[in-house]
Protein backbone atom coordinates (compact mmCIF):
# COMPACT_ATOMS: atom_id res chain seq x y z
CA MET A 1 32.91 77.50 -1.75
CA GLN A 2 36.38 76.14 -1.67
CA ALA A 3 37.69 78.32 -4.45
CA LEU A 4 35.81 81.55 -2.44
CA ARG A 5 37.52 80.01 1.17
CA ARG A 6 40.79 80.40 -0.87
CA GLY A 7 40.54 83.99 -2.05
CA ILE A 8 39.27 85.15 1.03
CA ASP A 9 41.86 83.76 3.44
CA LEU A 10 45.05 85.40 2.26
CA PRO A 11 47.93 83.69 3.47
CA VAL A 12 49.53 86.16 5.55
CA ARG A 13 53.16 86.50 6.34
CA ARG A 14 55.13 88.05 9.08
CA LEU A 15 57.69 90.28 7.12
CA ASN A 16 60.75 92.19 9.00
CA SER A 17 61.71 94.60 6.76
CA SER A 18 60.32 98.29 7.62
CA ALA A 19 61.19 99.61 3.93
CA THR A 20 60.23 96.15 1.82
CA GLY A 21 58.30 93.81 3.73
CA ILE A 22 60.90 91.06 2.96
CA GLU A 23 63.23 89.74 5.66
CA VAL A 24 66.20 90.29 4.67
CA HIS A 25 70.08 90.08 5.93
CA LYS A 26 71.63 93.77 6.39
CA PRO A 27 75.40 93.45 5.37
CA SER A 28 78.14 94.90 7.63
CA ALA A 29 79.89 97.97 7.04
CA SER A 30 82.65 96.02 5.68
CA SER A 31 81.01 94.21 3.09
CA SER A 32 82.56 94.77 -0.08
CA PHE A 33 79.81 94.13 -2.21
CA GLY A 34 78.15 97.17 -4.36
CA ALA A 35 80.58 99.55 -1.94
CA LYS A 36 81.54 102.93 -3.54
CA PRO A 37 84.75 103.76 -2.77
CA SER A 38 85.48 106.10 -0.14
CA GLY A 39 86.49 108.61 -1.79
CA GLU A 40 82.85 109.49 -3.09
CA HIS A 41 81.35 109.64 0.19
CA PRO A 42 83.48 112.32 2.44
CA HIS A 43 83.30 112.33 6.28
CA ARG A 44 81.98 115.17 7.89
CA TRP A 45 83.77 116.73 10.88
CA TYR A 46 81.65 115.54 13.45
CA GLU A 47 82.03 112.16 11.85
CA ARG A 48 85.84 112.42 12.17
CA TYR A 49 85.66 113.65 15.53
CA PRO A 50 82.83 112.03 16.94
CA ARG A 51 83.09 113.44 20.46
CA ALA A 52 83.78 116.90 19.64
CA LEU A 53 80.11 117.89 19.00
CA PRO A 54 78.58 116.14 22.54
CA VAL A 55 81.59 118.02 24.48
CA GLY A 56 80.97 121.05 23.19
CA VAL A 57 76.95 121.10 23.23
CA PHE A 58 77.82 120.25 26.90
CA ALA A 59 80.12 122.80 27.39
CA LEU A 60 78.04 125.37 25.90
CA THR A 61 75.02 124.14 28.35
CA LEU A 62 77.00 124.20 31.29
CA GLY A 63 78.14 127.66 30.31
CA VAL A 64 74.40 129.02 29.62
CA THR A 65 73.62 127.04 32.94
CA ALA A 66 76.50 129.25 34.95
CA ILE A 67 75.48 132.39 33.79
CA SER A 68 71.54 131.45 34.52
CA VAL A 69 72.80 131.03 37.90
CA ALA A 70 74.80 133.85 38.52
CA ALA A 71 71.84 135.88 37.32
CA VAL A 72 69.49 134.47 39.82
CA GLU A 73 72.08 134.71 42.74
CA HIS A 74 72.21 138.66 41.79
CA ALA A 75 68.82 138.98 41.74
CA GLU A 76 68.20 137.13 45.09
CA ASP A 77 70.92 139.38 46.67
CA GLY A 78 69.28 142.27 45.74
CA ARG A 79 65.75 140.92 46.85
CA GLU A 80 67.58 140.42 50.15
CA ALA A 81 69.03 143.56 50.64
CA ALA A 82 65.70 144.99 49.43
CA GLN A 83 63.68 143.41 51.94
CA LEU A 84 66.71 144.40 55.30
CA SER A 85 66.20 147.78 54.16
CA GLN A 86 62.41 147.75 53.83
CA THR A 87 62.19 145.41 57.69
CA THR A 88 64.90 148.13 59.17
CA ALA A 89 62.75 151.15 58.02
CA SER A 90 59.68 149.62 58.83
CA ILE A 91 61.18 148.95 62.73
CA SER A 92 62.82 152.70 62.73
CA SER A 93 59.68 154.25 61.60
CA ALA A 94 57.47 152.51 64.29
CA ILE A 95 59.83 153.25 66.89
CA GLU A 96 59.83 157.06 66.27
CA ARG A 97 55.66 156.48 66.07
CA ARG A 98 55.93 155.13 69.36
CA ALA A 99 58.15 157.77 70.85
CA GLY A 100 55.82 160.66 69.30
CA SER A 101 52.92 159.10 70.62
CA SER A 102 54.52 159.02 74.06
CA ALA A 103 55.95 162.62 73.29
CA MET A 104 52.28 163.91 72.66
CA SER A 105 50.88 162.38 75.86
CA LEU A 106 53.19 163.99 78.10
CA ARG A 107 53.00 167.50 76.24
CA ALA A 108 49.25 167.27 77.00
CA GLY A 109 49.85 166.39 80.48
CA ALA A 110 52.16 169.53 81.18
CA ALA A 111 49.66 171.66 79.45
CA LEU A 112 47.24 170.85 82.05
CA ILE A 113 49.30 170.41 84.69
CA ALA A 114 50.70 174.30 84.07
CA THR A 115 46.93 175.74 84.04
CA GLN A 116 46.66 174.40 87.78
CA THR A 117 47.59 176.36 90.76
CA LYS A 118 47.40 173.51 93.05
CA PHE A 119 48.76 169.64 92.22
CA ASP A 120 47.64 167.52 94.89
CA PRO A 121 47.07 163.74 94.71
CA ALA A 122 43.50 163.89 93.66
CA THR A 123 44.72 166.65 90.89
CA PHE A 124 47.22 164.02 89.41
CA GLY A 125 44.36 161.48 89.37
CA LEU A 126 42.43 163.65 87.33
CA PHE A 127 45.28 164.57 85.42
CA ILE A 128 45.47 160.68 84.57
CA ASP A 129 41.60 159.99 84.14
CA GLN A 130 41.67 162.56 81.27
CA LEU A 131 44.62 161.20 79.93
CA GLY A 132 42.34 158.06 79.88
CA GLN A 133 45.49 155.76 80.23
CA GLU A 134 45.29 154.99 84.15
CA GLY A 135 49.10 156.13 83.70
CA ARG A 136 50.20 153.60 81.73
CA ALA A 137 50.86 154.28 78.02
CA SER A 138 51.88 150.94 75.74
CA GLY A 139 55.04 149.80 76.61
CA ALA A 140 55.66 152.45 79.31
CA GLU A 141 56.16 151.84 83.27
CA GLY A 142 53.42 154.46 83.68
CA ILE A 143 53.66 158.37 84.00
CA GLY A 144 54.97 160.08 86.80
CA TRP A 145 55.75 163.42 88.23
CA VAL A 146 58.52 165.16 89.31
CA ALA A 147 58.13 168.23 91.61
CA ARG A 148 60.65 170.85 91.93
CA VAL A 149 62.07 171.31 95.53
CA ASP A 150 63.95 174.63 96.54
CA PRO A 151 67.55 174.55 98.06
CA GLY A 152 66.36 174.31 102.17
CA GLN A 153 62.77 172.87 101.22
CA GLU A 154 63.33 169.61 101.28
CA SER A 155 62.31 168.90 105.18
CA ALA A 156 59.54 170.63 104.58
CA PHE A 157 58.63 169.39 100.94
CA ALA A 158 59.01 165.88 103.03
CA ALA A 159 56.25 166.79 105.88
CA GLU A 160 53.93 168.17 103.20
CA VAL A 161 53.92 165.03 101.47
CA ARG A 162 53.69 162.74 104.51
CA ALA A 163 51.05 164.80 106.07
CA SER A 164 48.94 164.02 102.40
CA GLY A 165 48.91 159.98 103.09
CA VAL A 166 52.66 158.63 102.52
CA PRO A 167 53.90 157.91 105.50
CA GLY A 168 57.49 157.25 105.70
CA PHE A 169 57.79 159.69 102.61
CA ALA A 170 61.77 160.37 102.40
CA ILE A 171 63.81 162.27 99.62
CA ARG A 172 66.33 160.13 98.97
CA PRO A 173 69.50 159.97 98.37
CA ASP A 174 70.28 161.72 101.63
CA GLY A 175 72.20 164.86 101.59
CA ALA A 176 71.38 168.12 100.58
CA ALA A 177 72.06 168.59 96.42
CA GLN A 178 74.94 169.50 95.22
CA GLY A 179 76.45 173.17 94.94
CA GLY A 180 72.85 174.26 96.18
CA MET A 181 71.11 173.01 93.03
CA ASP A 182 67.57 172.17 93.34
CA ARG A 183 66.55 168.98 94.26
CA TYR A 184 63.74 166.96 91.73
CA VAL A 185 62.09 164.39 93.79
CA VAL A 186 59.32 162.00 92.05
CA ARG A 187 56.01 163.08 93.59
CA TYR A 188 53.76 160.57 91.73
CA LEU A 189 53.80 157.39 89.74
CA ARG A 190 50.81 155.86 88.10
CA PRO A 191 49.79 152.53 88.24
CA ALA A 192 50.68 152.76 91.97
CA THR A 193 51.90 149.58 92.06
CA PRO A 194 54.79 148.26 94.76
CA ARG A 195 57.03 148.48 92.03
CA ASN A 196 56.30 151.92 90.77
CA ASN A 197 56.30 152.99 94.94
CA ARG A 198 60.08 152.63 94.75
CA ALA A 199 60.75 155.02 92.69
CA ILE A 200 58.54 157.87 95.27
CA GLY A 201 60.88 160.19 96.71
CA PHE A 202 63.74 159.83 94.21
CA ASP A 203 66.05 162.76 93.21
CA MET A 204 66.14 162.65 89.66
CA ALA A 205 68.97 165.39 89.84
CA SER A 206 70.98 163.04 91.48
CA GLU A 207 71.70 161.08 88.63
CA ARG A 208 73.87 162.57 85.91
CA VAL A 209 72.32 160.89 83.24
CA ARG A 210 68.96 162.26 84.28
CA ARG A 211 69.76 165.47 85.46
CA GLU A 212 71.28 166.89 81.53
CA ALA A 213 68.24 165.04 80.17
CA MET A 214 65.80 167.18 82.40
CA MET A 215 68.00 170.20 82.06
CA SER A 216 67.85 169.71 77.98
CA ALA A 217 64.09 169.33 78.01
CA ALA A 218 63.84 172.40 80.23
CA GLN A 219 66.17 174.42 77.86
CA PHE A 220 64.16 173.90 74.99
CA GLY A 221 60.78 173.10 76.62
CA ARG A 222 60.07 169.86 74.69
CA PRO A 223 60.01 166.19 75.30
CA THR A 224 63.41 164.86 75.99
CA ALA A 225 64.90 161.26 76.37
CA SER A 226 67.31 160.62 78.81
CA GLY A 227 70.54 158.30 78.00
CA LYS A 228 70.93 154.41 79.14
CA ILE A 229 69.79 153.66 82.69
CA VAL A 230 68.56 150.90 84.94
CA LEU A 231 64.90 152.35 86.31
CA VAL A 232 64.38 153.26 90.10
CA GLN A 233 61.60 150.27 89.94
CA GLU A 234 64.07 147.69 89.43
CA ASP A 235 65.76 145.78 92.57
CA LYS A 236 68.58 145.30 91.08
CA ALA A 237 71.88 147.24 89.30
CA THR A 238 72.00 144.34 86.47
CA SER A 239 68.17 145.01 85.72
CA PRO A 240 67.60 145.22 81.53
CA PRO A 241 68.48 149.03 80.70
CA GLY A 242 65.65 151.21 80.06
CA PHE A 243 65.16 155.40 79.66
CA VAL A 244 62.86 158.18 80.59
CA LEU A 245 60.91 160.99 78.52
CA PHE A 246 60.66 164.08 80.28
CA MET A 247 58.69 167.02 79.46
CA PRO A 248 58.92 170.39 81.66
CA VAL A 249 55.95 172.00 83.14
CA TYR A 250 56.24 175.98 83.47
CA SER A 251 53.83 177.86 85.95
CA SER A 252 51.59 180.09 83.75
CA ALA A 253 52.84 183.94 83.41
CA ALA A 254 50.00 185.16 86.09
CA MET A 255 51.85 182.73 88.63
CA GLY A 256 55.06 183.67 87.91
CA HIS A 257 56.87 181.93 84.94
CA HIS A 258 59.15 179.17 86.34
CA LEU A 259 59.81 175.64 86.31
CA ARG A 260 57.30 173.64 88.30
CA GLY A 261 58.62 170.49 87.29
CA PHE A 262 58.60 167.51 84.91
CA VAL A 263 55.97 165.20 83.63
CA TYR A 264 58.12 161.74 82.83
CA THR A 265 57.57 158.45 81.86
CA PRO A 266 59.71 155.59 82.41
CA PHE A 267 60.19 152.80 80.08
CA ASN A 268 61.73 149.18 79.86
CA ALA A 269 63.81 149.20 76.55
CA ARG A 270 62.48 145.63 75.75
CA ALA A 271 58.97 146.61 76.43
CA PHE A 272 59.31 149.87 74.69
CA LEU A 273 60.71 147.80 71.48
CA ALA A 274 58.15 145.26 71.84
CA SER A 275 55.39 148.18 72.11
CA SER A 276 56.78 149.08 68.98
CA VAL A 277 56.80 146.35 66.29
CA ASP A 278 55.50 142.69 67.07
CA ILE A 279 59.41 141.34 67.61
CA ASP A 280 58.13 138.06 68.78
CA ARG A 281 56.39 137.33 65.62
CA MET A 282 59.33 138.53 63.23
CA SER A 283 60.97 135.18 63.33
CA GLY A 284 64.34 135.20 61.61
CA VAL A 285 64.90 138.66 62.06
CA GLY A 286 67.62 140.25 64.49
CA PHE A 287 68.19 143.18 66.38
CA ALA A 288 70.29 145.80 68.23
CA LEU A 289 69.39 148.98 69.81
CA TYR A 290 71.76 151.49 71.28
CA ASP A 291 71.79 154.78 73.05
CA GLY A 292 73.97 156.40 70.25
CA ASP A 293 76.70 155.22 69.29
CA ALA A 294 76.67 150.97 68.20
CA ALA A 295 78.79 149.77 71.09
CA PRO A 296 78.57 147.47 73.63
CA ALA A 297 78.58 149.82 76.58
CA ASN A 298 75.33 151.76 74.81
CA LEU A 299 72.94 148.65 74.37
CA LEU A 300 69.65 149.10 75.24
CA TYR A 301 68.32 145.68 73.67
CA GLN A 302 69.51 142.59 71.41
CA ARG A 303 68.35 139.71 70.09
CA ALA A 304 71.05 137.88 68.35
CA LEU A 305 70.61 135.37 65.47
CA ALA A 306 71.62 131.59 65.92
CA GLY A 307 74.89 130.93 64.07
CA GLY A 308 75.46 131.55 60.48
CA PRO A 309 76.72 134.27 58.54
CA VAL A 310 74.14 137.28 58.93
CA ARG A 311 73.47 140.62 56.27
CA THR A 312 73.05 143.70 58.37
CA GLU A 313 71.90 147.31 57.92
CA THR A 314 72.35 150.36 60.14
CA ARG A 315 70.18 153.29 60.78
CA HIS A 316 69.96 156.08 63.10
CA VAL A 317 66.78 156.79 64.75
CA VAL A 318 65.75 159.99 66.54
CA VAL A 319 63.58 159.45 70.13
CA ALA A 320 62.45 162.69 71.13
CA ASP A 321 65.99 164.93 70.61
CA ARG A 322 67.87 161.81 71.34
CA SER A 323 69.85 159.86 68.22
CA TRP A 324 69.79 156.21 68.75
CA THR A 325 71.06 153.40 66.74
CA LEU A 326 69.37 150.59 65.44
CA VAL A 327 71.06 147.53 63.74
CA VAL A 328 68.81 144.90 61.78
CA SER A 329 70.19 141.72 60.76
CA ILE A 330 68.45 138.67 58.81
CA PRO A 331 70.24 135.32 58.09
CA ASP A 332 72.47 135.74 54.85
CA GLY A 333 71.71 133.39 51.98
CA THR A 334 73.56 129.82 51.65
CA LEU A 335 75.64 129.54 48.84
CA PHE A 336 72.61 128.46 46.23
CA SER A 337 69.49 130.04 46.75
CA PRO A 338 66.58 127.09 46.31
CA VAL A 339 65.99 129.04 43.00
CA SER A 340 69.59 128.78 41.94
CA LEU A 341 70.10 125.43 42.95
CA MET A 342 66.75 123.99 41.00
CA THR A 343 68.09 125.95 38.18
CA LEU A 344 71.75 124.32 38.60
CA LEU A 345 70.08 120.93 38.69
CA PHE A 346 68.13 121.52 35.93
CA GLY A 347 71.12 122.78 33.70
CA LEU A 348 73.28 119.55 34.64
CA LEU A 349 69.97 117.30 33.56
CA VAL A 350 69.61 119.29 30.26
CA ALA A 351 73.47 118.93 30.02
CA THR A 352 73.14 115.42 30.27
CA LEU A 353 70.35 115.16 28.29
CA LEU A 354 71.80 116.77 25.06
CA LEU A 355 75.17 115.44 25.47
CA VAL A 356 73.59 111.61 24.91
CA LEU A 357 71.23 113.36 22.25
CA ALA A 358 74.25 114.61 20.79
CA ARG A 359 76.40 111.17 20.77
CA LEU A 360 73.51 109.67 19.76
CA VAL A 361 73.10 111.71 16.46
CA THR A 362 76.49 111.20 15.59
CA GLN A 363 76.51 107.62 16.06
CA GLN A 364 73.00 107.64 13.86
CA ALA A 365 75.01 109.83 11.31
CA SER A 366 77.55 106.69 10.96
CA GLU A 367 74.80 104.30 11.07
CA ASP A 368 72.98 106.13 8.13
CA ARG A 369 76.52 106.16 6.20
CA THR A 370 76.68 102.38 6.73
CA THR A 371 72.96 102.16 5.74
CA LEU A 372 72.95 104.23 2.43
CA GLU A 373 75.74 101.98 1.19
CA TRP A 374 73.45 98.86 2.26
CA PHE A 375 70.44 100.42 0.26
CA GLU A 376 72.71 100.78 -2.65
CA GLN A 377 72.76 96.93 -2.55
CA GLN A 378 68.88 96.10 -2.05
CA SER A 379 68.21 95.58 -6.22
CA SER A 380 68.80 92.39 -5.20
CA ILE A 381 65.03 91.64 -3.79
CA ARG A 382 63.58 92.73 -6.44
CA ASN A 383 62.76 89.38 -7.60
CA SER A 384 61.33 88.69 -4.28
CA LEU A 385 59.20 91.64 -4.24
CA VAL A 386 57.60 90.49 -8.20
CA ARG A 387 56.94 87.18 -6.26
CA GLU A 388 54.81 88.78 -3.30
CA LEU A 389 53.20 90.86 -5.67
CA ASN A 390 52.15 87.81 -8.24
CA HIS A 391 51.12 85.94 -5.15
CA ARG A 392 48.75 88.54 -4.14
CA VAL A 393 46.99 89.10 -7.57
CA LYS A 394 46.73 85.03 -7.71
CA ASN A 395 44.74 85.08 -4.80
CA THR A 396 42.51 88.23 -5.59
CA LEU A 397 41.61 86.44 -9.21
CA ALA A 398 40.72 83.22 -7.12
CA ASN A 399 38.00 85.31 -5.62
CA VAL A 400 36.76 86.96 -8.41
CA LEU A 401 36.45 83.48 -9.88
CA SER A 402 34.70 82.08 -6.67
CA ILE A 403 31.85 85.06 -7.22
CA LEU A 404 32.02 84.62 -10.78
CA ALA A 405 30.99 80.87 -10.22
CA LEU A 406 28.63 81.51 -7.92
CA THR A 407 26.56 84.61 -9.67
CA ARG A 408 26.39 82.64 -12.64
CA GLY A 409 24.84 79.57 -10.88
CA ARG A 410 21.84 82.15 -9.78
CA ALA A 411 21.39 84.48 -12.53
CA THR A 412 18.27 84.54 -14.94
CA ASP A 413 19.69 86.75 -17.56
CA LEU A 414 22.90 88.76 -18.55
CA ASP A 415 22.29 91.96 -16.82
CA SER A 416 21.21 90.37 -13.35
CA PHE A 417 24.39 88.46 -14.27
CA ALA A 418 26.48 91.81 -14.78
CA GLN A 419 25.08 93.89 -11.89
CA SER A 420 25.16 91.32 -9.04
CA LEU A 421 28.67 90.89 -10.38
CA ASP A 422 30.08 94.24 -10.75
CA GLY A 423 28.58 94.89 -6.88
CA ARG A 424 30.16 91.91 -5.25
CA VAL A 425 33.25 92.76 -7.07
CA ARG A 426 33.19 96.48 -5.81
CA ALA A 427 32.75 94.96 -2.36
CA LEU A 428 35.62 93.30 -2.41
CA SER A 429 37.41 96.22 -3.82
CA ALA A 430 36.37 98.29 -0.68
CA THR A 431 37.33 95.87 1.49
CA HIS A 432 40.76 95.30 -0.25
CA ASP A 433 41.62 98.98 -0.08
CA LEU A 434 40.94 99.43 3.70
CA LEU A 435 42.96 96.36 4.15
CA THR A 436 45.67 97.85 1.64
CA GLN A 437 45.74 101.30 3.82
CA SER A 438 46.41 99.50 6.68
CA ASP A 439 49.21 97.07 5.38
CA TRP A 440 46.67 94.07 6.27
CA GLY A 441 46.50 94.55 9.48
CA SER A 442 43.48 95.28 11.63
CA THR A 443 40.50 97.41 10.13
CA SER A 444 37.86 98.78 12.12
CA ILE A 445 34.32 97.97 12.14
CA ARG A 446 32.89 101.50 11.79
CA ALA A 447 35.22 101.68 8.54
CA LEU A 448 34.31 98.93 6.96
CA ILE A 449 30.73 99.56 7.33
CA GLU A 450 31.10 102.83 6.15
CA ALA A 451 32.81 102.22 2.98
CA GLU A 452 29.88 99.01 1.78
CA MET A 453 27.38 101.53 3.22
CA ALA A 454 28.54 104.60 1.31
CA PRO A 455 26.67 104.56 -1.80
CA TYR A 456 23.20 104.24 -0.05
CA VAL A 457 24.14 106.85 2.33
CA ARG A 458 24.76 109.59 -0.12
CA ASP A 459 21.09 108.35 -2.28
CA GLN A 460 19.17 108.18 1.60
CA SER A 461 20.73 110.58 3.42
CA GLY A 462 20.25 110.17 7.02
CA GLY A 463 18.46 106.88 6.28
CA VAL A 464 21.54 104.32 8.12
CA THR A 465 22.88 104.66 11.37
CA LEU A 466 25.73 103.35 12.56
CA SER A 467 26.84 103.10 16.69
CA GLY A 468 29.05 100.87 18.14
CA ASP A 469 32.35 100.44 20.36
CA PRO A 470 35.51 100.68 18.19
CA VAL A 471 36.81 97.21 17.07
CA MET A 472 39.32 96.21 14.71
CA LEU A 473 39.22 93.02 12.89
CA ALA A 474 41.70 90.71 11.25
CA PRO A 475 41.93 91.03 7.69
CA ASN A 476 40.03 87.35 6.91
CA ASP A 477 37.35 88.48 9.06
CA ALA A 478 36.87 91.67 7.52
CA LEU A 479 36.85 90.36 4.06
CA SER A 480 34.00 88.09 5.39
CA LEU A 481 32.33 90.78 7.26
CA GLY A 482 32.38 93.06 4.19
CA MET A 483 30.36 90.77 1.93
CA ALA A 484 27.51 90.22 4.13
CA ILE A 485 27.23 93.81 4.86
CA HIS A 486 26.89 94.31 1.39
CA GLU A 487 24.53 91.83 0.36
CA LEU A 488 22.57 93.15 3.11
CA ALA A 489 23.01 96.24 1.67
CA THR A 490 21.91 94.91 -1.68
CA ASN A 491 18.93 93.39 -0.64
CA ALA A 492 17.81 96.59 1.30
CA ALA A 493 18.33 98.69 -1.67
CA LYS A 494 16.70 96.40 -3.65
CA TYR A 495 13.76 94.87 -1.69
CA GLY A 496 14.01 96.40 1.80
CA ALA A 497 14.56 99.66 3.88
CA LEU A 498 16.66 101.23 1.69
CA SER A 499 14.30 100.95 -1.65
CA VAL A 500 11.95 104.02 -0.09
CA GLU A 501 12.41 107.39 0.92
CA ALA A 502 10.87 107.08 4.65
CA GLY A 503 13.10 103.39 5.15
CA ARG A 504 15.97 103.32 7.85
CA VAL A 505 18.67 101.22 8.68
CA SER A 506 20.13 100.85 11.83
CA ILE A 507 23.62 98.63 12.20
CA ALA A 508 25.17 98.48 15.74
CA TRP A 509 27.58 96.55 17.27
CA ARG A 510 29.33 95.70 21.02
CA MET A 511 31.67 93.21 22.33
CA VAL A 512 29.97 90.59 24.09
CA THR A 513 32.82 88.59 25.45
CA ALA A 514 36.80 89.90 25.05
CA GLN A 515 36.78 87.88 21.61
CA ILE A 516 33.59 87.98 20.30
CA ALA A 517 31.88 91.21 18.78
CA GLN A 518 27.93 91.04 18.05
CA LEU A 519 26.34 93.02 15.36
CA ASP A 520 22.73 93.88 14.45
CA TRP A 521 21.63 94.94 11.17
CA ALA A 522 17.57 95.98 11.59
CA GLU A 523 15.74 97.94 9.11
CA SER A 524 12.27 99.88 9.76
CA GLY A 525 10.52 101.80 7.71
CA GLY A 526 10.05 99.71 4.59
CA PRO A 527 8.11 97.98 2.62
CA THR A 528 6.02 94.93 4.03
CA LEU A 529 8.12 91.75 3.50
CA ASP A 530 6.71 88.89 2.16
CA PRO A 531 6.61 85.55 4.75
CA VAL A 532 9.82 83.34 4.29
CA ALA A 533 7.81 80.36 2.83
CA SER A 534 6.45 82.44 -0.21
CA ARG A 535 10.31 83.81 -0.79
CA LYS A 536 12.75 82.39 -3.39
CA ARG A 537 15.95 81.57 -1.72
CA GLY A 538 19.10 83.46 -3.53
CA PHE A 539 22.51 83.71 -3.46
CA GLY A 540 22.98 86.55 -0.79
CA THR A 541 20.79 84.87 1.42
CA GLU A 542 23.19 81.59 0.64
CA LEU A 543 26.55 83.30 0.75
CA ILE A 544 25.65 85.29 4.26
CA GLN A 545 24.43 82.03 6.02
CA LYS A 546 26.58 79.54 4.48
CA ILE A 547 29.74 80.79 3.15
CA VAL A 548 29.88 83.86 5.99
CA ALA A 549 28.93 81.81 8.71
CA HIS A 550 31.39 79.55 7.88
CA GLU A 551 34.27 82.16 7.86
CA LEU A 552 33.40 83.80 10.93
CA LYS A 553 33.22 80.17 12.41
CA HIS A 554 29.88 81.52 14.21
CA PRO A 555 25.84 80.78 12.90
CA VAL A 556 24.20 83.62 11.31
CA GLU A 557 20.83 84.67 12.45
CA LEU A 558 18.89 86.24 9.15
CA GLU A 559 15.25 86.48 9.64
CA PHE A 560 12.68 88.05 7.22
CA LEU A 561 9.89 89.77 9.10
CA PRO A 562 7.16 92.09 8.11
CA GLY A 563 8.46 95.14 9.23
CA GLY A 564 11.98 94.54 7.94
CA VAL A 565 14.99 92.24 7.75
CA ARG A 566 17.17 91.22 11.12
CA CYS A 567 20.20 90.28 10.78
CA ARG A 568 22.86 88.74 14.09
CA LEU A 569 26.71 88.12 13.15
CA MET A 570 29.59 86.76 15.50
CA VAL A 571 33.01 88.06 14.35
CA ALA A 572 36.25 86.89 16.52
CA VAL A 573 38.04 89.88 17.40
CA ARG A 574 42.07 88.59 17.30
CA GLU A 575 45.25 89.74 18.41
CA GLY A 576 46.73 92.03 16.30
CA GLY A 577 50.41 90.27 15.89
CA ASN A 578 48.51 87.35 14.73
CA PHE A 579 47.62 88.82 11.28
CA ALA A 580 49.75 91.90 10.64
CA MET A 581 51.35 91.52 7.15
CA ARG A 582 54.24 93.16 8.25
CA GLU A 583 55.71 95.36 11.50
CA GLN A 584 54.74 98.88 12.14
CA LYS A 585 57.18 101.00 10.59
CA PRO A 586 59.29 103.56 12.55
CA GLY A 587 58.04 107.02 13.08
């Protein structure tokens, strides 16, 4: 047993060289031992100029970043210009649609009034009802009637109006029309609010801008907008500006074709624009609407943007035969848009990383040259490698001799001796292969069991079931567990579940504590086993219950039940750094 312990408990050395497994001292670059003349290893250009490559890569990356930022800024500028153009077109179209809608209402009113021989308050109320707007289109102050009053008929007209229920009616401003011209007096304006009642009796022809608009409408027979004015309804001359739409009304041919007056709609400029465009929700957009050219004296309405540079676009709008100017503004972009700023920061980060990487490459190239010279001196360590190999071979031979001695003491004939010895040596070899693959580091329980059970899985397809968590074992513990699994499998193949087609072996393991793993071996479906008392105790049983239990440092529960063998082993799970043969090689 002491020989077996010496064979299994291999000496573990922690070695530091990833290339050889032996701790050696790396000579400095200035060491002359075994060094070749410098002429045999000419330096490359990036070794002669170690800063040229990092600086060049950094400059190239910054150049690409600058081009990318310029492209992004150009695209952003085009996007802002397209957005401004689209916004301006949308606002101008909305204004023209709104003016067209009002003009259509006036045309309908003019057609209705032209058919009436008498136009009293009741008829005007019917006209408003038929329009269905209660005299107030969206954004307008209302709809009214301007009656034509011939020269010299002012007093009679005023008396007629007062008699119809408007006491105190008078035409204003006072005085006769200039040059004997007709007067055009506001007779009705609905809705009849106190504000609108201020306009009743006002002579539209007394004011130049209104008079010119009416004459133009009468000349061409279509709705015409006035210029910039302050509505009569306003109580102050400094009130917000507005304008008026006039539509001429002529009597029918049967009544003698002549101008009877005008259907009109007064507008407050801001209310008109608000009814055309939802300006309150268009945040970040400025407006300026001018009657005619974009001059301060012609300004109808303005909403300026607060501070900062702006981008503007100007467009001419036609409202009822009158040209207006619309100026729309949006904030001009900052020096860098968010996308450009992100691109710039990302480019700087990449340039910095590439600078560091290039510097590391040049530094690594210099170190590699020193390392190549160092590897030329490594022949001196071969003796150490030979000694290490000789030590491991002796340990393996000690294991074989221990197994040989114990097997010989239990063998009854040469064949049984050879068969038992062959199987145990193969089990030891399989475990050694796994440990060698892991550089005598940790070994998976599953891989260990699969290696030991491989012959039986091929012979009995589906007869072996493995289940458990990933658990890694130290080399010594893996050797001991491998021997135990081999003995259990051999016993099952000879006398137990693996000796018949219907037999099954279940192997399950789990962590019972942070340092202990429990493995359960259970057989079923095999031949009925003899009672324990009548069985002869074999080498496998002694190996498991004595040697393996001693090596694993935990007792082994082994039961030969009539239904099959049951075995429970407890295996220590140690930290990898306590048994690793060598450091992990760098990737």
